[in-house]
Amino acid sequence: MGEIVIEARGLKRYYQRGSETVKALDGVDLTIRAGEMVAILGPSGSGKTTLINLLSCLDAPTEGTLIVAGRSVAGLPEDELVEVRRGMLGFVFQQFALLPTLTVTENVELPLMFLDRPVDPRRTREVVEMVGLTERANHLPRELSGGQMQRVAIARALIAGPKILVADEPTGNLDSATGQAIIDLFRKLTREQGLAILLTTHNPAFGQQADRAITLRDGRIVSEESFAEVTSSGALLVPAS
């Protein structure tokens, strides 16, 4: 198994709503390793977004320990959390958030400007090819399908070479066939690039194609399943007993 890239113990996130304490996350233990895809499932309000925000250093826990890429991040101020995120984590969201006046290539390279890194055209071509968009490299977003736009968003998340890819409902705006293609791409990235991929989804069928699926309810983990190797069609290959 790959190295541990995220380790959480007793993770809690509480909010005050007037006199009421809302336990958005109430004591979660979780380990994520390089080269595995972990799906977070659960109904609305179960704590999925809170958990993914904590694990990706977009928010800070109320209690508990959290180690990301070997660094303890619980209690760090926002400026230091930014440094943890820089180049270490890539983000893919339900909304593609592509700039309409930029080509595929330019949208993919955009994060490098904010990271103050030089553009390497060879690296850009490699990442664009990785997500299957070589023939669309000079197209504008309006010339792409929804699935292609999501692939651009994935390439943009990969351009800085992160170790962890965080995807919040990445198939939510896509039809089932296109969503399946994105899940297949994620599985390829874990196998070939050694990425750790953490994603939320409302689709149990997609969740079962991860290496592990964790279900939340009321801020707690209520089940955790590990799955055997999955074919590109989504069938589970269960070893004979």
Protein backbone atom coordinates (compact mmCIF):
# COMPACT_ATOMS: atom_id res chain seq x y z
CA MET A 1 0.00 0.00 0.00
CA GLY A 2 1.05 3.59 -0.60
CA GLU A 3 2.28 6.02 2.00
CA ILE A 4 -0.22 7.74 4.26
CA VAL A 5 -1.04 11.19 2.88
CA ILE A 6 -3.93 12.11 5.19
CA GLU A 7 -4.52 10.89 8.73
CA ALA A 8 -7.35 12.14 10.92
CA ARG A 9 -8.10 11.13 14.51
CA GLY A 10 -11.07 12.28 16.55
CA LEU A 11 -11.87 14.99 13.99
CA LYS A 12 -14.69 17.32 15.05
CA ARG A 13 -16.23 20.47 13.64
CA TYR A 14 -18.81 22.25 15.77
CA TYR A 15 -20.72 25.43 14.97
CA GLN A 16 -22.78 27.69 17.18
CA ARG A 17 -26.25 28.51 15.94
CA GLY A 18 -27.59 30.83 18.60
CA SER A 19 -27.60 28.77 21.80
CA GLU A 20 -27.43 25.50 19.85
CA THR A 21 -24.19 23.62 19.11
CA VAL A 22 -24.32 22.03 15.67
CA LYS A 23 -22.09 18.96 15.44
CA ALA A 24 -21.35 19.00 11.71
CA LEU A 25 -18.57 16.45 12.26
CA ASP A 26 -18.46 14.51 15.48
CA GLY A 27 -15.35 12.38 15.93
CA VAL A 28 -14.02 10.93 12.66
CA ASP A 29 -11.00 8.64 12.31
CA LEU A 30 -9.74 8.24 8.75
CA THR A 31 -6.54 7.32 6.90
CA ILE A 32 -5.97 7.90 3.18
CA ARG A 33 -3.00 6.53 1.28
CA ALA A 34 -1.31 7.39 -1.99
CA GLY A 35 -2.69 5.49 -4.95
CA GLU A 36 -6.19 4.93 -3.58
CA MET A 37 -9.56 6.48 -4.32
CA VAL A 38 -11.83 7.01 -1.34
CA ALA A 39 -15.49 7.95 -1.81
CA ILE A 40 -17.46 9.82 0.85
CA LEU A 41 -21.20 9.11 0.73
CA GLY A 42 -24.18 10.18 2.76
CA PRO A 43 -27.40 12.22 2.57
CA SER A 44 -27.45 16.01 2.54
CA GLY A 45 -26.45 17.30 5.96
CA SER A 46 -24.49 14.18 6.84
CA GLY A 47 -21.16 16.01 7.04
CA LYS A 48 -19.62 15.13 3.65
CA THR A 49 -18.69 18.67 2.67
CA THR A 50 -17.49 19.50 6.19
CA LEU A 51 -15.23 16.45 6.20
CA ILE A 52 -13.78 17.09 2.77
CA ASN A 53 -13.17 20.76 3.65
CA LEU A 54 -11.25 19.75 6.79
CA LEU A 55 -9.20 17.04 5.07
CA SER A 56 -8.23 19.46 2.29
CA CYS A 57 -7.28 22.26 4.70
CA LEU A 58 -10.07 24.57 3.53
CA ASP A 59 -11.38 24.69 7.10
CA ALA A 60 -9.93 23.98 10.54
CA PRO A 61 -11.27 21.36 12.98
CA THR A 62 -12.72 22.27 16.35
CA GLU A 63 -11.00 19.25 17.91
CA GLY A 64 -8.89 16.30 16.85
CA THR A 65 -5.63 15.71 15.05
CA LEU A 66 -5.10 16.03 11.30
CA ILE A 67 -1.87 15.25 9.47
CA VAL A 68 -1.63 16.09 5.76
CA ALA A 69 1.45 15.00 3.82
CA GLY A 70 3.32 14.43 7.06
CA ARG A 71 2.48 17.80 8.60
CA SER A 72 0.17 18.39 11.53
CA VAL A 73 -2.33 21.03 10.39
CA ALA A 74 -4.91 21.15 13.20
CA GLY A 75 -4.79 24.60 14.73
CA LEU A 76 -2.72 26.22 11.96
CA PRO A 77 -3.71 29.76 10.96
CA GLU A 78 -5.14 30.35 7.47
CA ASP A 79 -1.86 31.63 5.97
CA GLU A 80 -0.11 28.40 6.94
CA LEU A 81 -3.03 26.27 5.69
CA VAL A 82 -2.61 28.03 2.35
CA GLU A 83 1.02 26.90 2.26
CA VAL A 84 -0.02 23.31 2.99
CA ARG A 85 -2.52 23.41 0.12
CA ARG A 86 -0.16 25.01 -2.41
CA GLY A 87 0.91 22.41 -4.91
CA MET A 88 0.01 19.56 -2.52
CA LEU A 89 -3.73 19.45 -3.16
CA GLY A 90 -5.66 19.76 -6.40
CA PHE A 91 -9.37 20.59 -6.38
CA VAL A 92 -12.20 19.56 -8.70
CA PHE A 93 -15.74 20.79 -8.06
CA GLN A 94 -19.22 20.19 -9.41
CA GLN A 95 -19.12 23.54 -11.20
CA PHE A 96 -16.38 23.54 -13.85
CA ALA A 97 -15.46 27.23 -13.30
CA LEU A 98 -13.60 27.55 -16.61
CA LEU A 99 -12.82 31.02 -17.94
CA PRO A 100 -14.84 31.30 -21.18
CA THR A 101 -12.29 33.42 -23.05
CA LEU A 102 -9.36 31.06 -22.40
CA THR A 103 -8.57 27.92 -24.37
CA VAL A 104 -8.30 24.49 -22.80
CA THR A 105 -4.53 24.89 -22.57
CA GLU A 106 -4.79 28.36 -21.00
CA ASN A 107 -7.39 27.22 -18.46
CA VAL A 108 -5.18 24.29 -17.47
CA GLU A 109 -2.13 26.53 -17.01
CA LEU A 110 -3.98 29.20 -15.02
CA PRO A 111 -3.10 27.86 -11.50
CA LEU A 112 0.60 28.21 -12.26
CA MET A 113 0.21 31.98 -12.34
CA PHE A 114 -1.20 32.00 -8.81
CA LEU A 115 1.52 29.62 -7.63
CA ASP A 116 4.17 31.85 -9.24
CA ARG A 117 5.48 28.92 -11.28
CA PRO A 118 6.68 29.05 -14.88
CA VAL A 119 4.66 27.39 -17.61
CA ASP A 120 6.24 24.27 -19.09
CA PRO A 121 4.49 23.54 -22.42
CA ARG A 122 5.64 19.91 -22.31
CA ARG A 123 4.06 19.43 -18.90
CA THR A 124 0.83 21.07 -20.11
CA ARG A 125 0.66 18.78 -23.14
CA GLU A 126 1.31 15.77 -20.90
CA VAL A 127 -1.53 16.68 -18.54
CA VAL A 128 -3.96 17.52 -21.36
CA GLU A 129 -3.14 14.17 -22.96
CA MET A 130 -3.57 12.45 -19.60
CA VAL A 131 -7.23 13.51 -19.50
CA GLY A 132 -7.81 12.70 -23.17
CA LEU A 133 -8.13 16.23 -24.55
CA THR A 134 -5.17 16.54 -26.90
CA GLU A 135 -7.49 17.21 -29.85
CA ARG A 136 -9.28 19.94 -27.89
CA ALA A 137 -6.23 21.76 -26.54
CA ASN A 138 -6.93 24.99 -28.46
CA HIS A 139 -10.73 24.97 -28.09
CA LEU A 140 -12.76 27.35 -25.93
CA PRO A 141 -15.08 26.02 -23.20
CA ARG A 142 -18.21 26.77 -25.29
CA GLU A 143 -16.91 24.30 -27.87
CA LEU A 144 -16.74 21.45 -25.34
CA SER A 145 -19.23 18.99 -23.90
CA GLY A 146 -19.92 18.85 -20.17
CA GLY A 147 -17.68 15.83 -19.77
CA GLN A 148 -14.87 17.53 -21.65
CA MET A 149 -15.20 20.65 -19.49
CA GLN A 150 -14.90 18.50 -16.37
CA ARG A 151 -11.78 16.91 -17.83
CA VAL A 152 -10.31 20.38 -18.30
CA ALA A 153 -11.08 21.09 -14.62
CA ILE A 154 -9.31 17.86 -13.68
CA ALA A 155 -6.27 18.74 -15.81
CA ARG A 156 -6.20 22.18 -14.17
CA ALA A 157 -6.14 20.46 -10.77
CA LEU A 158 -3.27 18.21 -11.91
CA ILE A 159 -1.00 20.78 -13.54
CA ALA A 160 0.94 21.60 -10.35
CA GLY A 161 1.61 17.92 -9.59
CA PRO A 162 -0.45 17.45 -6.41
CA LYS A 163 -0.29 14.31 -4.31
CA ILE A 164 -3.94 14.55 -3.34
CA LEU A 165 -6.89 15.25 -5.62
CA VAL A 166 -10.06 16.43 -3.88
CA ALA A 167 -13.27 16.16 -5.91
CA ASP A 168 -16.56 17.45 -4.46
CA GLU A 169 -19.49 15.96 -6.43
CA PRO A 170 -17.44 15.92 -9.67
CA THR A 171 -20.16 14.00 -11.55
CA GLY A 172 -23.11 15.98 -10.18
CA ASN A 173 -23.66 17.97 -13.40
CA LEU A 174 -23.06 15.05 -15.75
CA ASP A 175 -25.22 12.27 -17.18
CA SER A 176 -24.52 8.75 -15.95
CA ALA A 177 -22.39 7.68 -18.93
CA THR A 178 -20.24 10.82 -18.78
CA GLY A 179 -19.99 10.51 -15.00
CA GLN A 180 -18.79 6.93 -15.42
CA ALA A 181 -16.06 8.15 -17.77
CA ILE A 182 -14.86 10.59 -15.09
CA ILE A 183 -14.78 7.82 -12.48
CA ASP A 184 -12.78 5.65 -14.91
CA LEU A 185 -10.34 8.52 -15.36
CA PHE A 186 -9.96 8.90 -11.59
CA ARG A 187 -9.22 5.20 -11.22
CA LYS A 188 -6.61 5.45 -13.98
CA LEU A 189 -4.94 8.38 -12.20
CA THR A 190 -4.68 6.49 -8.93
CA ARG A 191 -3.16 3.45 -10.64
CA GLU A 192 -0.81 5.21 -13.06
CA GLN A 193 0.05 8.44 -11.22
CA GLY A 194 -0.14 7.24 -7.61
CA LEU A 195 -2.58 10.00 -6.71
CA ALA A 196 -4.75 9.83 -3.64
CA ILE A 197 -8.26 10.82 -4.71
CA LEU A 198 -10.91 11.86 -2.22
CA LEU A 199 -14.35 12.43 -3.65
CA THR A 200 -17.90 13.00 -2.47
CA THR A 201 -20.81 11.57 -4.40
CA HIS A 202 -24.54 10.96 -4.05
CA ASN A 203 -24.26 8.04 -6.48
CA PRO A 204 -23.74 4.69 -4.65
CA ALA A 205 -22.73 2.97 -7.90
CA PHE A 206 -19.85 5.41 -8.33
CA GLY A 207 -18.93 5.04 -4.66
CA GLN A 208 -18.61 1.27 -5.07
CA GLN A 209 -15.99 1.79 -7.75
CA ALA A 210 -13.63 3.49 -5.32
CA ASP A 211 -11.11 1.46 -3.35
CA ARG A 212 -13.09 2.36 -0.24
CA ALA A 213 -16.47 3.94 0.37
CA ILE A 214 -17.18 5.72 3.65
CA THR A 215 -20.76 6.60 4.58
CA LEU A 216 -21.51 9.47 6.95
CA ARG A 217 -24.63 10.21 8.92
CA ASP A 218 -25.05 13.03 11.43
CA GLY A 219 -21.33 13.81 11.32
CA ARG A 220 -20.19 10.28 12.09
CA ILE A 221 -18.89 7.38 10.00
CA VAL A 222 -21.62 4.72 10.02
CA SER A 223 -20.00 2.30 7.57
CA GLU A 224 -16.77 1.75 5.68
CA GLU A 225 -16.45 -0.72 2.81
CA SER A 226 -13.41 -1.85 0.87
CA PHE A 227 -13.93 -3.11 -2.65
CA ALA A 228 -12.10 -5.56 -4.88
CA GLU A 229 -10.65 -4.57 -8.25
CA VAL A 230 -13.24 -2.97 -10.54
CA THR A 231 -13.50 -3.32 -14.30
CA SER A 232 -13.94 -0.30 -16.56
CA SER A 233 -17.63 -1.21 -16.87
CA GLY A 234 -18.04 -0.94 -13.11
CA ALA A 235 -18.22 -4.69 -12.36
CA LEU A 236 -16.55 -5.89 -9.20
CA LEU A 237 -13.94 -8.61 -9.56
CA VAL A 238 -14.31 -10.50 -6.30
CA PRO A 239 -11.61 -13.11 -5.67
CA ALA A 240 -12.87 -16.67 -5.39
CA SER A 241 -13.02 -17.98 -1.83
